Amino acid sequence: MNKSEAISIISKCAKSYKKNLDGNQIVFVYRDENNHSSYTEVKFCSYNFLHFTGVNPRKGLSANDFYRYALNNRLSERDFSFKNNHTTELKLKVLDTIMCIDTRARMIGNYTGPHLELYTKKVTNTTTACLGLIEKGDCYIPNSVLSEDIRSIVPKPPGKIYAIYYSSIY
């Protein structure tokens, strides 16, 4: 993948993020391993989008600026670099799936995956891509995108999501 292809994916997904997730709190309601109902609240803010892409912004470019540039088709090849660990390409290949998590998420669970360098507490989504979540205050915020089958990185069985609610956080 080259930077031009990355810009195309990032810009398209920024628009989907704005439409579907940015400024919303989403509540995933699910059955846990004991078949009891439980829920996880997730807040999506504009500054979270950069984490999803797996790129390093150029020095001086904030997460909010990066998001605005992508939304306004002003993102350029000099505004970012790919990470050296090759996670950028993996994340960008599944980013479109993550932008629809408010309607496509099917499972949720505590992260127990093999990636020691990744700090995330919960993951949610499907068998093709996952959204990593960390606790912040009284809810969760997104902090990573994984190109993984959720069933391979959470304890068996993952919680089955049966309802998704969302509201504006502003």
C-alpha atoms as a PDB file:
ATOM      1  CA  MET A   1       0.000   0.000   0.000  1.00  0.00           C
ATOM      2  CA  ASN A   2       1.316   3.442  -0.855  1.00  0.00           C
ATOM      3  CA  LYS A   3       0.498   6.781   0.747  1.00  0.00           C
ATOM      4  CA  SER A   4      -1.902   7.803  -2.009  1.00  0.00           C
ATOM      5  CA  GLU A   5      -3.996   4.672  -1.396  1.00  0.00           C
ATOM      6  CA  ALA A   6      -3.818   5.290   2.348  1.00  0.00           C
ATOM      7  CA  ILE A   7      -5.063   8.874   1.926  1.00  0.00           C
ATOM      8  CA  SER A   8      -8.011   7.642  -0.112  1.00  0.00           C
ATOM      9  CA  ILE A   9      -8.994   5.111   2.564  1.00  0.00           C
ATOM     10  CA  ILE A  10      -8.426   7.541   5.449  1.00  0.00           C
ATOM     11  CA  SER A  11     -10.446  10.340   3.819  1.00  0.00           C
ATOM     12  CA  LYS A  12     -13.341   8.054   2.945  1.00  0.00           C
ATOM     13  CA  CYS A  13     -13.381   6.569   6.454  1.00  0.00           C
ATOM     14  CA  ALA A  14     -13.158  10.008   8.108  1.00  0.00           C
ATOM     15  CA  LYS A  15     -16.422  10.923   6.414  1.00  0.00           C
ATOM     16  CA  SER A  16     -18.018   7.660   7.599  1.00  0.00           C
ATOM     17  CA  TYR A  17     -16.677   8.270  11.115  1.00  0.00           C
ATOM     18  CA  LYS A  18     -18.208  11.761  11.122  1.00  0.00           C
ATOM     19  CA  LYS A  19     -21.566  10.393   9.957  1.00  0.00           C
ATOM     20  CA  ASN A  20     -21.763   7.270  12.150  1.00  0.00           C
ATOM     21  CA  LEU A  21     -19.609   7.644  15.256  1.00  0.00           C
ATOM     22  CA  ASP A  22     -18.087  11.054  15.993  1.00  0.00           C
ATOM     23  CA  GLY A  23     -19.809  12.759  18.917  1.00  0.00           C
ATOM     24  CA  ASN A  24     -21.851   9.706  19.853  1.00  0.00           C
ATOM     25  CA  GLN A  25     -22.005   7.399  22.825  1.00  0.00           C
ATOM     26  CA  ILE A  26     -22.779   3.831  21.821  1.00  0.00           C
ATOM     27  CA  VAL A  27     -24.005   1.221  24.273  1.00  0.00           C
ATOM     28  CA  PHE A  28     -23.433  -2.429  23.375  1.00  0.00           C
ATOM     29  CA  VAL A  29     -25.850  -4.698  25.258  1.00  0.00           C
ATOM     30  CA  TYR A  30     -24.819  -8.347  25.357  1.00  0.00           C
ATOM     31  CA  ARG A  31     -25.042 -11.705  27.099  1.00  0.00           C
ATOM     32  CA  ASP A  32     -21.927 -12.521  29.100  1.00  0.00           C
ATOM     33  CA  GLU A  33     -20.344 -15.955  29.652  1.00  0.00           C
ATOM     34  CA  ASN A  34     -22.948 -16.696  32.372  1.00  0.00           C
ATOM     35  CA  ASN A  35     -25.804 -15.736  30.033  1.00  0.00           C
ATOM     36  CA  HIS A  36     -26.501 -12.568  32.043  1.00  0.00           C
ATOM     37  CA  SER A  37     -27.231  -9.252  30.366  1.00  0.00           C
ATOM     38  CA  SER A  38     -24.458  -6.709  30.544  1.00  0.00           C
ATOM     39  CA  TYR A  39     -23.468  -3.564  28.674  1.00  0.00           C
ATOM     40  CA  THR A  40     -20.469  -1.498  27.656  1.00  0.00           C
ATOM     41  CA  GLU A  41     -20.698   2.241  26.933  1.00  0.00           C
ATOM     42  CA  VAL A  42     -18.271   3.721  24.390  1.00  0.00           C
ATOM     43  CA  LYS A  43     -17.757   7.414  23.607  1.00  0.00           C
ATOM     44  CA  PHE A  44     -16.434   8.412  20.195  1.00  0.00           C
ATOM     45  CA  CYS A  45     -14.697  11.795  19.846  1.00  0.00           C
ATOM     46  CA  SER A  46     -12.952  13.412  16.896  1.00  0.00           C
ATOM     47  CA  TYR A  47      -9.480  12.861  18.385  1.00  0.00           C
ATOM     48  CA  ASN A  48     -10.042   9.066  18.460  1.00  0.00           C
ATOM     49  CA  PHE A  49      -9.989   8.770  14.657  1.00  0.00           C
ATOM     50  CA  LEU A  50      -6.197   9.052  14.324  1.00  0.00           C
ATOM     51  CA  HIS A  51      -5.709   5.912  16.483  1.00  0.00           C
ATOM     52  CA  PHE A  52      -7.825   3.914  14.038  1.00  0.00           C
ATOM     53  CA  THR A  53      -5.545   4.625  11.079  1.00  0.00           C
ATOM     54  CA  GLY A  54      -2.272   3.315  12.445  1.00  0.00           C
ATOM     55  CA  VAL A  55      -0.262   6.199  10.995  1.00  0.00           C
ATOM     56  CA  ASN A  56       2.144   8.591  12.690  1.00  0.00           C
ATOM     57  CA  PRO A  57       1.164  12.226  12.071  1.00  0.00           C
ATOM     58  CA  ARG A  58       3.904  14.686  11.185  1.00  0.00           C
ATOM     59  CA  LYS A  59       5.341  16.691  14.045  1.00  0.00           C
ATOM     60  CA  GLY A  60       2.973  19.468  15.060  1.00  0.00           C
ATOM     61  CA  LEU A  61      -0.137  17.912  13.523  1.00  0.00           C
ATOM     62  CA  SER A  62      -2.660  17.150  16.283  1.00  0.00           C
ATOM     63  CA  ALA A  63      -5.155  14.284  16.176  1.00  0.00           C
ATOM     64  CA  ASN A  64      -7.995  16.774  15.624  1.00  0.00           C
ATOM     65  CA  ASP A  65      -6.091  18.530  12.810  1.00  0.00           C
ATOM     66  CA  PHE A  66      -5.377  15.178  11.145  1.00  0.00           C
ATOM     67  CA  TYR A  67      -9.089  14.312  11.297  1.00  0.00           C
ATOM     68  CA  ARG A  68     -10.111  17.717   9.883  1.00  0.00           C
ATOM     69  CA  TYR A  69      -7.593  17.402   7.044  1.00  0.00           C
ATOM     70  CA  ALA A  70      -8.973  13.960   6.186  1.00  0.00           C
ATOM     71  CA  LEU A  71     -12.580  15.195   6.326  1.00  0.00           C
ATOM     72  CA  ASN A  72     -11.826  18.134   4.056  1.00  0.00           C
ATOM     73  CA  ASN A  73      -9.709  16.141   1.553  1.00  0.00           C
ATOM     74  CA  ARG A  74      -6.632  18.155   2.559  1.00  0.00           C
ATOM     75  CA  LEU A  75      -4.540  15.281   3.893  1.00  0.00           C
ATOM     76  CA  SER A  76      -1.238  15.037   2.029  1.00  0.00           C
ATOM     77  CA  GLU A  77       1.543  12.470   1.869  1.00  0.00           C
ATOM     78  CA  ARG A  78       3.809  14.685   3.972  1.00  0.00           C
ATOM     79  CA  ASP A  79       1.258  14.820   6.826  1.00  0.00           C
ATOM     80  CA  PHE A  80       1.950  11.287   8.064  1.00  0.00           C
ATOM     81  CA  SER A  81       4.192   8.246   7.930  1.00  0.00           C
ATOM     82  CA  PHE A  82       3.480   4.528   8.156  1.00  0.00           C
ATOM     83  CA  LYS A  83       4.489   2.775  11.357  1.00  0.00           C
ATOM     84  CA  ASN A  84       7.540   0.528  11.061  1.00  0.00           C
ATOM     85  CA  ASN A  85       5.738  -2.515  12.501  1.00  0.00           C
ATOM     86  CA  HIS A  86       3.443  -2.868   9.444  1.00  0.00           C
ATOM     87  CA  THR A  87       0.256  -2.365  11.478  1.00  0.00           C
ATOM     88  CA  THR A  88      -0.779   0.610   9.348  1.00  0.00           C
ATOM     89  CA  GLU A  89      -1.669  -1.542   6.341  1.00  0.00           C
ATOM     90  CA  LEU A  90      -3.508  -4.085   8.505  1.00  0.00           C
ATOM     91  CA  LYS A  91      -5.602  -1.360  10.136  1.00  0.00           C
ATOM     92  CA  LEU A  92      -6.377   0.471   6.899  1.00  0.00           C
ATOM     93  CA  LYS A  93      -7.587  -2.735   5.225  1.00  0.00           C
ATOM     94  CA  VAL A  94     -10.327  -3.184   7.852  1.00  0.00           C
ATOM     95  CA  LEU A  95     -10.987   0.456   8.709  1.00  0.00           C
ATOM     96  CA  ASP A  96     -14.163   0.649   6.605  1.00  0.00           C
ATOM     97  CA  THR A  97     -15.662  -2.224   8.643  1.00  0.00           C
ATOM     98  CA  ILE A  98     -14.918  -0.394  11.899  1.00  0.00           C
ATOM     99  CA  MET A  99     -16.700   2.746  10.675  1.00  0.00           C
ATOM    100  CA  CYS A 100     -19.957   0.763  10.725  1.00  0.00           C
ATOM    101  CA  ILE A 101     -19.455  -0.767  14.167  1.00  0.00           C
ATOM    102  CA  ASP A 102     -22.667   0.886  15.341  1.00  0.00           C
ATOM    103  CA  THR A 103     -24.621  -1.542  13.141  1.00  0.00           C
ATOM    104  CA  ARG A 104     -22.223  -4.450  12.498  1.00  0.00           C
ATOM    105  CA  ALA A 105     -20.824  -5.338  15.937  1.00  0.00           C
ATOM    106  CA  ARG A 106     -21.858  -8.858  16.939  1.00  0.00           C
ATOM    107  CA  MET A 107     -19.537  -9.844  19.807  1.00  0.00           C
ATOM    108  CA  ILE A 108     -17.639  -8.279  22.708  1.00  0.00           C
ATOM    109  CA  GLY A 109     -15.159  -9.480  25.316  1.00  0.00           C
ATOM    110  CA  ASN A 110     -12.094  -8.773  27.434  1.00  0.00           C
ATOM    111  CA  TYR A 111      -8.907  -8.661  25.387  1.00  0.00           C
ATOM    112  CA  THR A 112      -6.498 -11.537  26.042  1.00  0.00           C
ATOM    113  CA  GLY A 113      -4.715 -11.530  22.686  1.00  0.00           C
ATOM    114  CA  PRO A 114      -1.073 -12.260  21.990  1.00  0.00           C
ATOM    115  CA  HIS A 115       0.051  -8.696  21.237  1.00  0.00           C
ATOM    116  CA  LEU A 116       2.037  -7.735  24.334  1.00  0.00           C
ATOM    117  CA  GLU A 117       2.745  -4.237  23.044  1.00  0.00           C
ATOM    118  CA  LEU A 118      -1.001  -3.494  22.739  1.00  0.00           C
ATOM    119  CA  TYR A 119      -2.784  -2.043  25.735  1.00  0.00           C
ATOM    120  CA  THR A 120      -6.505  -2.492  25.344  1.00  0.00           C
ATOM    121  CA  LYS A 121      -9.078  -3.808  27.786  1.00  0.00           C
ATOM    122  CA  LYS A 122     -12.048  -4.884  25.648  1.00  0.00           C
ATOM    123  CA  VAL A 123     -12.644  -5.604  21.990  1.00  0.00           C
ATOM    124  CA  THR A 124     -15.830  -5.602  19.971  1.00  0.00           C
ATOM    125  CA  ASN A 125     -16.943  -6.365  16.425  1.00  0.00           C
ATOM    126  CA  THR A 126     -16.963  -9.443  14.203  1.00  0.00           C
ATOM    127  CA  THR A 127     -14.782 -12.204  12.794  1.00  0.00           C
ATOM    128  CA  THR A 128     -12.889  -9.881  10.427  1.00  0.00           C
ATOM    129  CA  ALA A 129     -12.019  -6.775  12.442  1.00  0.00           C
ATOM    130  CA  CYS A 130     -12.063  -5.576  16.047  1.00  0.00           C
ATOM    131  CA  LEU A 131     -12.156  -2.258  17.842  1.00  0.00           C
ATOM    132  CA  GLY A 132     -10.009  -2.028  20.961  1.00  0.00           C
ATOM    133  CA  LEU A 133     -11.418  -0.160  23.966  1.00  0.00           C
ATOM    134  CA  ILE A 134      -9.900   1.259  27.145  1.00  0.00           C
ATOM    135  CA  GLU A 135     -11.600   2.614  30.243  1.00  0.00           C
ATOM    136  CA  LYS A 136     -11.765   6.359  30.710  1.00  0.00           C
ATOM    137  CA  GLY A 137     -13.849   7.556  33.617  1.00  0.00           C
ATOM    138  CA  ASP A 138     -17.272   5.951  33.651  1.00  0.00           C
ATOM    139  CA  CYS A 139     -17.137   4.534  30.116  1.00  0.00           C
ATOM    140  CA  TYR A 140     -14.797   3.245  27.410  1.00  0.00           C
ATOM    141  CA  ILE A 141     -13.116   5.011  24.521  1.00  0.00           C
ATOM    142  CA  PRO A 142     -11.705   3.403  21.367  1.00  0.00           C
ATOM    143  CA  ASN A 143      -7.933   3.078  21.215  1.00  0.00           C
ATOM    144  CA  SER A 144      -7.066   0.591  18.472  1.00  0.00           C
ATOM    145  CA  VAL A 145      -8.179  -1.297  15.400  1.00  0.00           C
ATOM    146  CA  LEU A 146      -7.214  -4.933  14.968  1.00  0.00           C
ATOM    147  CA  SER A 147      -7.386  -7.063  11.854  1.00  0.00           C
ATOM    148  CA  GLU A 148      -8.350 -10.102  13.923  1.00  0.00           C
ATOM    149  CA  ASP A 149     -11.157 -12.581  14.477  1.00  0.00           C
ATOM    150  CA  ILE A 150     -12.599 -11.578  17.847  1.00  0.00           C
ATOM    151  CA  ARG A 151     -13.012 -15.237  18.795  1.00  0.00           C
ATOM    152  CA  SER A 152      -9.238 -15.696  18.807  1.00  0.00           C
ATOM    153  CA  ILE A 153      -8.442 -12.799  21.175  1.00  0.00           C
ATOM    154  CA  VAL A 154     -11.139 -12.998  23.879  1.00  0.00           C
ATOM    155  CA  PRO A 155     -11.949 -15.755  26.378  1.00  0.00           C
ATOM    156  CA  LYS A 156     -14.402 -18.325  25.134  1.00  0.00           C
ATOM    157  CA  PRO A 157     -17.171 -17.590  24.414  1.00  0.00           C
ATOM    158  CA  PRO A 158     -17.300 -13.890  23.551  1.00  0.00           C
ATOM    159  CA  GLY A 159     -20.395 -11.989  24.653  1.00  0.00           C
ATOM    160  CA  LYS A 160     -23.128 -11.944  22.029  1.00  0.00           C
ATOM    161  CA  ILE A 161     -24.380  -8.425  21.338  1.00  0.00           C
ATOM    162  CA  TYR A 162     -28.156  -8.312  21.046  1.00  0.00           C
ATOM    163  CA  ALA A 163     -28.830  -4.549  21.114  1.00  0.00           C
ATOM    164  CA  ILE A 164     -26.933  -1.385  20.226  1.00  0.00           C
ATOM    165  CA  TYR A 165     -28.103   2.051  21.354  1.00  0.00           C
ATOM    166  CA  TYR A 166     -26.548   5.388  20.654  1.00  0.00           C
ATOM    167  CA  SER A 167     -27.014   9.022  21.544  1.00  0.00           C
ATOM    168  CA  SER A 168     -25.147  12.280  21.092  1.00  0.00           C
ATOM    169  CA  ILE A 169     -22.559  13.178  23.730  1.00  0.00           C
ATOM    170  CA  TYR A 170     -22.725  16.899  22.964  1.00  0.00           C
END
